[in-house]
């Protein structure tokens, strides 16, 4: 039984993000479809926080599709850069989504502040937003702490994963198989809260 009564729309056009969320949902036998597959437009992310932008995306997809929609807004936050790139993490990669340039920019911004880029504390933050076809929304936040390395390592993952070493590990997210990353990532931590919420709701009797 599908607890949503139909497909759950993943409100993202980011293939890497959709892949991670799809895998997290696999144990629950929930049918998912991406906003890109449905050819839904990407709304302007005008929020000033991860939560606001996640709500913008999930609400747009839910109202346009008529189905429950799950959105993720996430990014890399570096305290030495006053939290940047933060909600602008994707935008630092430019219109072509070139994260090699984005990672180089993080290094340059730190160097411009006369700070040692290597080993700088950083965190990944994810906020999931679930919106019903009626527009009701709940959000769930996950955070993982770590440090930066500027010899990008690994070919797994996406975005800033090659320069982020999670706390307690000596490998970057991009050096981890997806199954391992899913046990500790910011998105996985937000997802655990999402599942806990579903289990308290009538819509999730089958979860």
N, C-alpha and C. Protein backbone atom coordinates (compact mmCIF):
# COMPACT_ATOMS: atom_id res chain seq x y z
N UNK A 1 0.84 -1.20 0.00
CA UNK A 1 0.00 0.00 0.00
C UNK A 1 0.87 1.24 0.00
N UNK A 2 0.56 2.17 -0.87
CA UNK A 2 1.30 3.43 -0.93
C UNK A 2 0.68 4.41 0.06
N UNK A 3 1.44 4.84 1.07
CA UNK A 3 0.86 5.71 2.10
C UNK A 3 0.41 7.07 1.59
N UNK A 4 0.84 7.44 0.40
CA UNK A 4 0.46 8.74 -0.14
C UNK A 4 -0.71 8.65 -1.12
N UNK A 5 -1.20 7.45 -1.38
CA UNK A 5 -2.34 7.30 -2.27
C UNK A 5 -2.02 7.58 -3.72
N UNK A 6 -0.76 7.64 -4.06
CA UNK A 6 -0.31 7.94 -5.41
C UNK A 6 1.18 8.18 -5.36
N UNK A 7 1.79 8.61 -6.45
CA UNK A 7 3.23 8.84 -6.43
C UNK A 7 3.61 10.02 -5.53
N UNK A 8 4.77 9.92 -4.93
CA UNK A 8 5.35 11.03 -4.19
C UNK A 8 6.28 11.76 -5.15
N UNK A 9 6.04 13.04 -5.36
CA UNK A 9 6.85 13.82 -6.29
C UNK A 9 8.09 14.33 -5.57
N UNK A 10 9.25 14.01 -6.11
CA UNK A 10 10.49 14.59 -5.58
C UNK A 10 10.72 15.89 -6.33
N UNK A 11 10.59 16.99 -5.62
CA UNK A 11 10.61 18.31 -6.25
C UNK A 11 12.04 18.77 -6.51
N UNK A 12 12.67 18.11 -7.46
CA UNK A 12 14.05 18.45 -7.80
C UNK A 12 14.35 18.10 -9.25
N UNK A 13 15.24 18.88 -9.84
CA UNK A 13 15.75 18.59 -11.18
C UNK A 13 17.22 18.16 -11.09
N UNK A 14 17.69 17.95 -9.86
CA UNK A 14 19.07 17.54 -9.60
C UNK A 14 19.10 16.02 -9.55
N UNK A 15 19.71 15.38 -10.55
CA UNK A 15 19.68 13.93 -10.66
C UNK A 15 20.35 13.25 -9.46
N UNK A 16 21.44 13.83 -8.97
CA UNK A 16 22.13 13.25 -7.82
C UNK A 16 21.26 13.26 -6.58
N UNK A 17 20.58 14.37 -6.37
CA UNK A 17 19.70 14.51 -5.21
C UNK A 17 18.52 13.55 -5.32
N UNK A 18 17.93 13.45 -6.51
CA UNK A 18 16.80 12.54 -6.73
C UNK A 18 17.23 11.10 -6.46
N UNK A 19 18.42 10.74 -6.91
CA UNK A 19 18.92 9.39 -6.70
C UNK A 19 19.04 9.07 -5.22
N UNK A 20 19.58 10.00 -4.44
CA UNK A 20 19.74 9.77 -3.01
C UNK A 20 18.39 9.62 -2.31
N UNK A 21 17.45 10.51 -2.63
CA UNK A 21 16.14 10.45 -1.98
C UNK A 21 15.40 9.18 -2.39
N UNK A 22 15.50 8.83 -3.67
CA UNK A 22 14.85 7.60 -4.15
C UNK A 22 15.36 6.39 -3.38
N UNK A 23 16.67 6.33 -3.16
CA UNK A 23 17.23 5.19 -2.44
C UNK A 23 16.80 5.18 -0.98
N UNK A 24 16.71 6.36 -0.36
CA UNK A 24 16.25 6.43 1.02
C UNK A 24 14.81 5.93 1.16
N UNK A 25 14.02 6.13 0.11
CA UNK A 25 12.60 5.74 0.15
C UNK A 25 12.36 4.27 -0.22
N UNK A 26 13.37 3.62 -0.81
CA UNK A 26 13.18 2.25 -1.31
C UNK A 26 12.61 1.28 -0.27
N UNK A 27 13.07 1.31 0.99
CA UNK A 27 12.56 0.34 1.96
C UNK A 27 11.07 0.48 2.25
N UNK A 28 10.50 1.62 1.88
CA UNK A 28 9.10 1.88 2.22
C UNK A 28 8.14 1.63 1.06
N UNK A 29 8.68 1.16 -0.05
CA UNK A 29 7.86 0.79 -1.21
C UNK A 29 6.95 1.92 -1.65
N UNK A 30 7.51 3.11 -1.65
CA UNK A 30 6.77 4.30 -2.09
C UNK A 30 7.12 4.59 -3.53
N UNK A 31 6.12 4.75 -4.36
CA UNK A 31 6.34 5.10 -5.76
C UNK A 31 6.74 6.57 -5.84
N UNK A 32 7.87 6.84 -6.49
CA UNK A 32 8.32 8.23 -6.58
C UNK A 32 8.50 8.63 -8.04
N UNK A 33 8.36 9.91 -8.30
CA UNK A 33 8.59 10.48 -9.62
C UNK A 33 9.19 11.86 -9.41
N UNK A 34 10.13 12.23 -10.25
CA UNK A 34 10.78 13.52 -10.07
C UNK A 34 10.03 14.63 -10.78
N UNK A 35 10.24 15.84 -10.30
CA UNK A 35 9.65 17.01 -10.95
C UNK A 35 10.14 17.13 -12.39
N UNK A 36 11.38 16.73 -12.62
CA UNK A 36 11.93 16.80 -13.98
C UNK A 36 11.18 15.86 -14.91
N UNK A 37 10.89 14.64 -14.42
CA UNK A 37 10.15 13.68 -15.24
C UNK A 37 8.76 14.19 -15.58
N UNK A 38 8.15 14.88 -14.64
CA UNK A 38 6.81 15.44 -14.87
C UNK A 38 6.87 16.76 -15.64
N UNK A 39 8.09 17.22 -15.91
CA UNK A 39 8.31 18.48 -16.62
C UNK A 39 7.70 19.67 -15.88
N UNK A 40 7.79 19.62 -14.57
CA UNK A 40 7.33 20.75 -13.76
C UNK A 40 8.40 21.83 -13.78
N UNK A 41 8.01 23.08 -13.82
CA UNK A 41 9.00 24.16 -13.83
C UNK A 41 9.71 24.28 -12.48
N UNK A 42 10.92 24.76 -12.51
CA UNK A 42 11.66 25.02 -11.28
C UNK A 42 11.26 26.41 -10.76
N UNK A 43 10.70 26.50 -9.56
CA UNK A 43 10.32 27.81 -9.04
C UNK A 43 11.53 28.64 -8.65
N UNK A 44 11.38 29.94 -8.62
CA UNK A 44 12.46 30.80 -8.16
C UNK A 44 12.65 30.59 -6.65
N UNK A 45 13.88 30.33 -6.26
CA UNK A 45 14.18 30.11 -4.84
C UNK A 45 14.50 31.46 -4.21
N UNK A 46 13.47 32.12 -3.73
CA UNK A 46 13.60 33.48 -3.20
C UNK A 46 13.69 33.53 -1.69
N UNK A 47 13.74 32.35 -1.04
CA UNK A 47 13.81 32.30 0.41
C UNK A 47 15.16 32.74 0.94
N UNK A 48 15.20 33.00 2.24
CA UNK A 48 16.44 33.43 2.89
C UNK A 48 17.00 32.33 3.79
N UNK A 49 16.44 31.15 3.72
CA UNK A 49 16.91 30.02 4.51
C UNK A 49 16.67 28.73 3.73
N UNK A 50 17.33 27.65 4.18
CA UNK A 50 17.11 26.35 3.54
C UNK A 50 15.64 25.96 3.66
N UNK A 51 15.05 26.19 4.83
CA UNK A 51 13.66 25.80 5.05
C UNK A 51 12.72 26.55 4.10
N UNK A 52 12.93 27.85 3.96
CA UNK A 52 12.05 28.62 3.09
C UNK A 52 12.13 28.15 1.64
N UNK A 53 13.34 27.87 1.18
CA UNK A 53 13.49 27.42 -0.21
C UNK A 53 12.94 26.01 -0.41
N UNK A 54 13.09 25.14 0.58
CA UNK A 54 12.53 23.80 0.47
C UNK A 54 11.01 23.87 0.37
N UNK A 55 10.40 24.74 1.18
CA UNK A 55 8.94 24.89 1.15
C UNK A 55 8.47 25.44 -0.19
N UNK A 56 9.21 26.39 -0.74
CA UNK A 56 8.85 26.95 -2.05
C UNK A 56 8.80 25.83 -3.09
N UNK A 57 9.80 24.95 -3.08
CA UNK A 57 9.89 23.89 -4.09
C UNK A 57 8.81 22.81 -3.89
N UNK A 58 8.62 22.38 -2.65
CA UNK A 58 7.64 21.31 -2.42
C UNK A 58 6.22 21.81 -2.66
N UNK A 59 5.95 23.05 -2.27
CA UNK A 59 4.61 23.60 -2.47
C UNK A 59 4.29 23.76 -3.95
N UNK A 60 5.24 24.26 -4.71
CA UNK A 60 5.03 24.42 -6.14
C UNK A 60 4.73 23.08 -6.80
N UNK A 61 5.55 22.07 -6.49
CA UNK A 61 5.36 20.75 -7.12
C UNK A 61 4.05 20.10 -6.69
N UNK A 62 3.68 20.25 -5.42
CA UNK A 62 2.44 19.63 -4.94
C UNK A 62 1.21 20.25 -5.59
N UNK A 63 1.21 21.57 -5.68
CA UNK A 63 0.04 22.24 -6.25
C UNK A 63 -0.07 22.01 -7.76
N UNK A 64 1.07 21.92 -8.44
CA UNK A 64 1.03 21.70 -9.89
C UNK A 64 0.72 20.25 -10.25
N UNK A 65 1.17 19.32 -9.42
CA UNK A 65 1.00 17.89 -9.75
C UNK A 65 -0.25 17.28 -9.14
N UNK A 66 -0.74 17.87 -8.05
CA UNK A 66 -1.87 17.28 -7.36
C UNK A 66 -1.49 16.10 -6.48
N UNK A 67 -0.17 15.94 -6.20
CA UNK A 67 0.31 14.84 -5.37
C UNK A 67 1.15 15.38 -4.21
N UNK A 68 1.32 14.55 -3.17
CA UNK A 68 2.27 14.90 -2.13
C UNK A 68 3.63 15.12 -2.78
N UNK A 69 4.36 16.10 -2.26
CA UNK A 69 5.66 16.43 -2.85
C UNK A 69 6.70 16.60 -1.75
N UNK A 70 7.89 16.07 -2.02
CA UNK A 70 9.00 16.16 -1.07
C UNK A 70 10.15 16.92 -1.73
N UNK A 71 10.58 17.99 -1.08
CA UNK A 71 11.69 18.79 -1.61
C UNK A 71 12.83 18.81 -0.62
N UNK A 72 14.02 18.99 -1.13
CA UNK A 72 15.20 19.13 -0.29
C UNK A 72 15.89 20.43 -0.68
N UNK A 73 16.26 21.22 0.32
CA UNK A 73 17.16 22.33 0.05
C UNK A 73 18.35 22.14 0.98
N UNK A 74 19.52 22.13 0.41
CA UNK A 74 20.69 21.79 1.19
C UNK A 74 21.91 22.52 0.67
N UNK A 75 22.95 22.52 1.48
CA UNK A 75 24.16 23.19 1.03
C UNK A 75 25.28 23.08 2.03
N UNK A 76 26.42 23.58 1.60
CA UNK A 76 27.64 23.59 2.40
C UNK A 76 27.74 24.92 3.13
N UNK A 77 27.99 24.87 4.43
CA UNK A 77 28.13 26.08 5.23
C UNK A 77 29.51 26.12 5.88
N UNK A 78 30.23 27.20 5.64
CA UNK A 78 31.58 27.36 6.18
C UNK A 78 31.58 28.53 7.15
N UNK A 79 31.74 28.28 8.45
CA UNK A 79 31.70 29.37 9.43
C UNK A 79 32.68 30.51 9.13
N UNK A 80 33.87 30.17 8.63
CA UNK A 80 34.86 31.21 8.33
C UNK A 80 34.42 32.13 7.20
N UNK A 81 33.42 31.68 6.43
CA UNK A 81 32.86 32.51 5.35
C UNK A 81 31.48 33.02 5.73
N UNK A 82 31.25 33.13 7.05
CA UNK A 82 29.96 33.61 7.56
C UNK A 82 28.80 32.74 7.07
N UNK A 83 29.08 31.43 6.96
CA UNK A 83 28.03 30.49 6.57
C UNK A 83 27.91 30.26 5.08
N UNK A 84 28.65 31.00 4.27
CA UNK A 84 28.61 30.80 2.81
C UNK A 84 29.30 29.48 2.45
N UNK A 85 28.97 28.92 1.30
CA UNK A 85 27.97 29.37 0.32
C UNK A 85 26.52 29.20 0.76
N UNK A 86 26.26 28.32 1.75
CA UNK A 86 24.93 28.22 2.33
C UNK A 86 23.83 27.99 1.31
N UNK A 87 22.79 28.84 1.39
CA UNK A 87 21.65 28.66 0.47
C UNK A 87 22.03 28.95 -0.97
N UNK A 88 23.20 29.51 -1.17
CA UNK A 88 23.66 29.81 -2.53
C UNK A 88 24.62 28.74 -3.05
N UNK A 89 24.67 27.59 -2.40
CA UNK A 89 25.62 26.54 -2.77
C UNK A 89 25.53 26.16 -4.23
N UNK A 90 24.31 25.97 -4.74
CA UNK A 90 24.15 25.60 -6.15
C UNK A 90 24.51 26.77 -7.05
N UNK A 91 24.17 27.97 -6.63
CA UNK A 91 24.43 29.14 -7.48
C UNK A 91 25.93 29.42 -7.62
N UNK A 92 26.72 29.03 -6.62
CA UNK A 92 28.17 29.20 -6.74
C UNK A 92 28.72 28.34 -7.87
N UNK A 93 27.97 27.33 -8.27
CA UNK A 93 28.41 26.46 -9.36
C UNK A 93 28.07 27.04 -10.72
N UNK A 94 27.33 28.16 -10.75
CA UNK A 94 27.02 28.83 -12.00
C UNK A 94 25.92 28.15 -12.78
N UNK A 95 25.54 28.73 -13.90
CA UNK A 95 24.43 28.21 -14.70
C UNK A 95 24.67 26.81 -15.26
N UNK A 96 25.95 26.43 -15.40
CA UNK A 96 26.26 25.09 -15.93
C UNK A 96 26.44 24.06 -14.82
N UNK A 97 26.20 24.49 -13.55
CA UNK A 97 26.33 23.59 -12.40
C UNK A 97 27.73 22.96 -12.33
N UNK A 98 28.74 23.80 -12.52
CA UNK A 98 30.12 23.34 -12.49
C UNK A 98 30.64 23.44 -11.05
N UNK A 99 30.58 22.32 -10.33
CA UNK A 99 30.97 22.35 -8.93
C UNK A 99 32.49 22.35 -8.74
N UNK A 100 33.23 22.06 -9.80
CA UNK A 100 34.68 22.25 -9.70
C UNK A 100 34.98 23.72 -9.47
N UNK A 101 34.30 24.57 -10.21
CA UNK A 101 34.46 26.02 -10.02
C UNK A 101 33.96 26.45 -8.64
N UNK A 102 32.87 25.85 -8.19
CA UNK A 102 32.32 26.21 -6.88
C UNK A 102 33.30 25.85 -5.77
N UNK A 103 33.91 24.68 -5.87
CA UNK A 103 34.87 24.26 -4.84
C UNK A 103 36.11 25.16 -4.87
N UNK A 104 36.53 25.54 -6.07
CA UNK A 104 37.67 26.46 -6.19
C UNK A 104 37.33 27.82 -5.58
N UNK A 105 36.08 28.24 -5.74
CA UNK A 105 35.67 29.53 -5.16
C UNK A 105 35.73 29.49 -3.64
N UNK A 106 35.30 28.37 -3.03
CA UNK A 106 35.40 28.25 -1.58
C UNK A 106 36.85 28.44 -1.14
N UNK A 107 37.77 27.78 -1.85
CA UNK A 107 39.19 27.90 -1.53
C UNK A 107 39.66 29.35 -1.67
N UNK A 108 39.29 29.99 -2.76
CA UNK A 108 39.73 31.37 -3.01
C UNK A 108 39.17 32.33 -1.97
N UNK A 109 37.91 32.13 -1.58
CA UNK A 109 37.28 33.03 -0.60
C UNK A 109 37.97 32.90 0.76
N UNK A 110 38.35 31.68 1.13
CA UNK A 110 39.06 31.49 2.39
C UNK A 110 40.46 32.11 2.33
N UNK A 111 41.15 31.88 1.21
CA UNK A 111 42.49 32.44 1.05
C UNK A 111 42.45 33.96 1.07
N UNK A 112 41.41 34.54 0.49
CA UNK A 112 41.27 36.00 0.46
C UNK A 112 41.11 36.58 1.86
N UNK A 113 40.66 35.76 2.81
CA UNK A 113 40.50 36.19 4.20
C UNK A 113 41.74 35.84 5.02
N UNK A 114 42.80 35.41 4.32
CA UNK A 114 44.04 35.00 4.98
C UNK A 114 43.82 33.84 5.95
N UNK A 115 42.93 32.95 5.57
CA UNK A 115 42.66 31.76 6.38
C UNK A 115 43.16 30.53 5.65
N UNK A 116 43.64 29.58 6.40
CA UNK A 116 44.11 28.33 5.81
C UNK A 116 42.90 27.52 5.36
N UNK A 117 42.76 27.30 4.05
CA UNK A 117 41.58 26.56 3.57
C UNK A 117 41.53 25.11 4.05
N UNK A 118 42.69 24.44 4.03
CA UNK A 118 42.71 23.04 4.40
C UNK A 118 42.33 22.85 5.86
N UNK A 119 41.39 21.95 6.10
CA UNK A 119 41.00 21.63 7.47
C UNK A 119 40.00 22.57 8.09
N UNK A 120 39.49 23.52 7.32
CA UNK A 120 38.50 24.46 7.87
C UNK A 120 37.22 23.72 8.28
N UNK A 121 36.67 24.04 9.44
CA UNK A 121 35.39 23.44 9.84
C UNK A 121 34.29 23.82 8.84
N UNK A 122 33.39 22.89 8.62
CA UNK A 122 32.27 23.13 7.71
C UNK A 122 31.14 22.18 8.09
N UNK A 123 29.99 22.45 7.57
CA UNK A 123 28.86 21.55 7.79
C UNK A 123 28.01 21.48 6.54
N UNK A 124 27.34 20.36 6.39
CA UNK A 124 26.31 20.22 5.37
C UNK A 124 24.97 20.26 6.08
N UNK A 125 24.05 21.04 5.55
CA UNK A 125 22.71 21.15 6.12
C UNK A 125 21.69 20.77 5.05
N UNK A 126 20.69 20.00 5.46
CA UNK A 126 19.59 19.63 4.57
C UNK A 126 18.28 19.89 5.28
N UNK A 127 17.34 20.50 4.57
CA UNK A 127 15.98 20.62 5.07
C UNK A 127 15.05 19.97 4.05
N UNK A 128 14.29 18.98 4.51
CA UNK A 128 13.27 18.35 3.69
C UNK A 128 11.93 19.00 3.97
N UNK A 129 11.16 19.21 2.92
CA UNK A 129 9.83 19.79 3.06
C UNK A 129 8.82 18.89 2.38
N UNK A 130 7.82 18.45 3.13
CA UNK A 130 6.74 17.62 2.60
C UNK A 130 5.48 18.46 2.51
N UNK A 131 4.91 18.55 1.32
CA UNK A 131 3.69 19.34 1.11
C UNK A 131 2.60 18.47 0.53
N UNK A 132 1.40 18.59 1.10
CA UNK A 132 0.24 17.84 0.61
C UNK A 132 -0.38 18.58 -0.57
N UNK A 133 -1.24 17.92 -1.35
CA UNK A 133 -1.92 18.60 -2.46
C UNK A 133 -2.74 19.80 -1.99
N UNK A 134 -3.12 19.80 -0.69
CA UNK A 134 -3.89 20.93 -0.14
C UNK A 134 -2.99 22.06 0.33
N UNK A 135 -1.67 21.86 0.25
CA UNK A 135 -0.74 22.92 0.62
C UNK A 135 -0.24 22.88 2.05
N UNK A 136 -0.55 21.82 2.80
CA UNK A 136 -0.04 21.70 4.17
C UNK A 136 1.40 21.21 4.13
N UNK A 137 2.26 21.82 4.93
CA UNK A 137 3.69 21.55 4.83
C UNK A 137 4.32 21.26 6.19
N UNK A 138 5.26 20.32 6.20
CA UNK A 138 6.09 20.03 7.36
C UNK A 138 7.55 20.02 6.90
N UNK A 139 8.47 20.47 7.78
CA UNK A 139 9.88 20.48 7.42
C UNK A 139 10.71 19.69 8.44
N UNK A 140 11.86 19.19 7.96
CA UNK A 140 12.72 18.33 8.77
C UNK A 140 14.18 18.67 8.44
N UNK A 141 14.98 18.97 9.47
CA UNK A 141 16.36 19.41 9.24
C UNK A 141 17.38 18.37 9.69
N UNK A 142 18.44 18.21 8.90
CA UNK A 142 19.55 17.35 9.26
C UNK A 142 20.86 18.07 9.04
N UNK A 143 21.81 17.87 9.95
CA UNK A 143 23.12 18.54 9.87
C UNK A 143 24.22 17.52 10.11
N UNK A 144 25.31 17.61 9.33
CA UNK A 144 26.50 16.81 9.60
C UNK A 144 27.70 17.75 9.61
N UNK A 145 28.52 17.63 10.66
CA UNK A 145 29.72 18.45 10.80
C UNK A 145 30.90 17.77 10.15
N UNK A 146 31.90 18.58 9.77
CA UNK A 146 33.10 18.02 9.18
C UNK A 146 34.14 19.08 8.92
N UNK A 147 35.09 18.77 8.06
CA UNK A 147 36.14 19.70 7.67
C UNK A 147 36.34 19.66 6.16
N UNK A 148 37.00 20.70 5.66
CA UNK A 148 37.25 20.80 4.23
C UNK A 148 38.64 20.29 3.87
N UNK A 149 38.75 19.70 2.70
CA UNK A 149 40.05 19.34 2.14
C UNK A 149 40.08 19.84 0.70
N UNK A 150 41.22 20.36 0.28
CA UNK A 150 41.26 20.94 -1.06
C UNK A 150 42.14 20.18 -2.03
N UNK A 151 42.26 18.90 -1.76
CA UNK A 151 42.63 17.97 -2.81
C UNK A 151 41.37 17.13 -3.00
N UNK A 152 40.45 17.59 -3.87
CA UNK A 152 39.19 16.87 -4.02
C UNK A 152 39.42 15.39 -4.24
N UNK A 153 38.68 14.56 -3.50
CA UNK A 153 38.90 13.12 -3.57
C UNK A 153 37.58 12.40 -3.76
N UNK A 154 37.58 11.42 -4.66
CA UNK A 154 36.43 10.56 -4.85
C UNK A 154 35.58 10.94 -6.05
N UNK A 155 34.86 9.96 -6.54
CA UNK A 155 34.02 10.16 -7.72
C UNK A 155 32.55 9.84 -7.46
N UNK A 156 32.23 9.51 -6.21
CA UNK A 156 30.84 9.25 -5.86
C UNK A 156 30.18 10.59 -5.48
N UNK A 157 28.88 10.54 -5.22
CA UNK A 157 28.21 11.75 -4.75
C UNK A 157 28.12 12.82 -5.80
N UNK A 158 27.94 14.06 -5.33
CA UNK A 158 27.80 15.19 -6.23
C UNK A 158 28.07 16.47 -5.46
N UNK A 159 28.04 17.59 -6.16
CA UNK A 159 28.21 18.88 -5.48
C UNK A 159 29.58 19.02 -4.82
N UNK A 160 29.57 19.41 -3.56
CA UNK A 160 30.80 19.66 -2.80
C UNK A 160 31.34 18.41 -2.11
N UNK A 161 30.74 17.25 -2.38
CA UNK A 161 31.15 16.02 -1.70
C UNK A 161 32.65 15.74 -1.75
N UNK A 162 33.36 16.04 -2.87
CA UNK A 162 34.79 15.70 -2.92
C UNK A 162 35.68 16.49 -1.97
N UNK A 163 35.20 17.59 -1.38
CA UNK A 163 36.05 18.37 -0.47
C UNK A 163 35.54 18.32 0.97
N UNK A 164 34.53 17.51 1.25
CA UNK A 164 33.96 17.47 2.60
C UNK A 164 34.27 16.14 3.28
N UNK A 165 34.97 16.23 4.41
CA UNK A 165 35.30 15.05 5.21
C UNK A 165 34.43 15.08 6.47
N UNK A 166 33.47 14.17 6.60
CA UNK A 166 32.60 14.19 7.78
C UNK A 166 33.36 13.87 9.06
N UNK A 167 32.90 14.44 10.15
CA UNK A 167 33.53 14.25 11.45
C UNK A 167 33.65 12.77 11.79
N UNK A 168 34.84 12.35 12.20
CA UNK A 168 35.06 10.96 12.58
C UNK A 168 35.54 10.08 11.45
N UNK A 169 35.71 10.65 10.25
CA UNK A 169 36.14 9.89 9.08
C UNK A 169 37.38 10.53 8.47
N UNK A 170 38.11 9.76 7.67
CA UNK A 170 39.27 10.31 6.97
C UNK A 170 39.06 10.29 5.46
N UNK A 171 37.80 10.03 5.04
CA UNK A 171 37.45 10.04 3.64
C UNK A 171 36.38 11.09 3.38
N UNK A 172 36.37 11.59 2.15
CA UNK A 172 35.33 12.55 1.77
C UNK A 172 34.02 11.81 1.47
N UNK A 173 32.92 12.57 1.43
CA UNK A 173 31.64 11.97 1.02
C UNK A 173 31.77 11.32 -0.35
N UNK A 174 32.57 11.92 -1.23
CA UNK A 174 32.69 11.41 -2.59
C UNK A 174 33.51 10.12 -2.66
N UNK A 175 34.19 9.77 -1.58
CA UNK A 175 34.94 8.51 -1.53
C UNK A 175 34.11 7.38 -0.94
N UNK A 176 32.90 7.70 -0.49
CA UNK A 176 32.05 6.70 0.14
C UNK A 176 31.02 6.15 -0.84
N UNK A 177 30.78 4.85 -0.83
CA UNK A 177 29.65 4.32 -1.60
C UNK A 177 28.38 4.99 -1.09
N UNK A 178 27.41 5.16 -1.95
CA UNK A 178 26.18 5.83 -1.57
C UNK A 178 25.55 5.20 -0.34
N UNK A 179 25.61 3.86 -0.25
CA UNK A 179 24.99 3.17 0.87
C UNK A 179 25.62 3.60 2.19
N UNK A 180 26.94 3.85 2.20
CA UNK A 180 27.61 4.28 3.43
C UNK A 180 27.29 5.74 3.73
N UNK A 181 27.34 6.58 2.71
CA UNK A 181 27.02 7.99 2.91
C UNK A 181 25.62 8.15 3.48
N UNK A 182 24.70 7.29 3.02
CA UNK A 182 23.31 7.39 3.45
C UNK A 182 23.13 7.13 4.94
N UNK A 183 24.12 6.54 5.59
CA UNK A 183 23.99 6.26 7.02
C UNK A 183 24.36 7.46 7.87
N UNK A 184 25.06 8.45 7.30
CA UNK A 184 25.55 9.55 8.13
C UNK A 184 25.27 10.94 7.56
N UNK A 185 24.78 11.02 6.34
CA UNK A 185 24.69 12.33 5.68
C UNK A 185 23.62 13.22 6.31
N UNK A 186 23.72 14.50 6.00
CA UNK A 186 22.74 15.50 6.43
C UNK A 186 21.36 15.14 5.92
N UNK A 187 21.29 14.68 4.66
CA UNK A 187 20.00 14.33 4.07
C UNK A 187 19.41 13.10 4.76
N UNK A 188 20.26 12.13 5.10
CA UNK A 188 19.79 10.94 5.79
C UNK A 188 19.26 11.29 7.18
N UNK A 189 19.91 12.24 7.83
CA UNK A 189 19.46 12.63 9.17
C UNK A 189 18.12 13.36 9.12
N UNK A 190 17.95 14.20 8.10
CA UNK A 190 16.66 14.85 7.91
C UNK A 190 15.59 13.81 7.57
N UNK A 191 15.99 12.82 6.78
CA UNK A 191 15.06 11.79 6.35
C UNK A 191 14.55 10.96 7.54
N UNK A 192 15.42 10.70 8.52
CA UNK A 192 14.99 9.95 9.70
C UNK A 192 13.88 10.69 10.43
N UNK A 193 13.98 12.01 10.50
CA UNK A 193 12.93 12.81 11.14
C UNK A 193 11.65 12.77 10.30
N UNK A 194 11.81 12.77 8.98
CA UNK A 194 10.68 12.69 8.07
C UNK A 194 9.92 11.37 8.27
N UNK A 195 10.66 10.26 8.36
CA UNK A 195 10.03 8.95 8.55
C UNK A 195 9.35 8.89 9.92
N UNK A 196 10.00 9.44 10.95
CA UNK A 196 9.39 9.45 12.28
C UNK A 196 8.07 10.22 12.26
N UNK A 197 8.04 11.31 11.50
CA UNK A 197 6.80 12.09 11.38
C UNK A 197 5.73 11.28 10.67
N UNK A 198 6.10 10.62 9.58
CA UNK A 198 5.12 9.83 8.83
C UNK A 198 4.48 8.76 9.70
N UNK A 199 5.27 8.18 10.59
CA UNK A 199 4.75 7.11 11.43
C UNK A 199 3.72 7.60 12.43
N UNK A 200 3.67 8.93 12.64
CA UNK A 200 2.69 9.48 13.57
C UNK A 200 1.44 9.97 12.85
N UNK A 201 1.46 9.89 11.51
CA UNK A 201 0.36 10.44 10.74
C UNK A 201 -0.50 9.35 10.12
N UNK A 202 -1.77 9.67 9.93
CA UNK A 202 -2.69 8.71 9.33
C UNK A 202 -2.28 8.34 7.91
N UNK A 203 -1.60 9.28 7.19
CA UNK A 203 -1.23 8.99 5.82
C UNK A 203 -0.16 7.91 5.74
N UNK A 204 0.44 7.59 6.88
CA UNK A 204 1.58 6.67 6.85
C UNK A 204 1.30 5.37 7.59
N UNK A 205 0.08 4.93 7.62
CA UNK A 205 -0.26 3.71 8.32
C UNK A 205 0.54 2.51 7.81
N UNK A 206 0.94 2.58 6.53
CA UNK A 206 1.64 1.43 5.93
C UNK A 206 3.14 1.54 6.03
N UNK A 207 3.65 2.70 6.57
CA UNK A 207 5.11 2.88 6.61
C UNK A 207 5.69 2.15 7.81
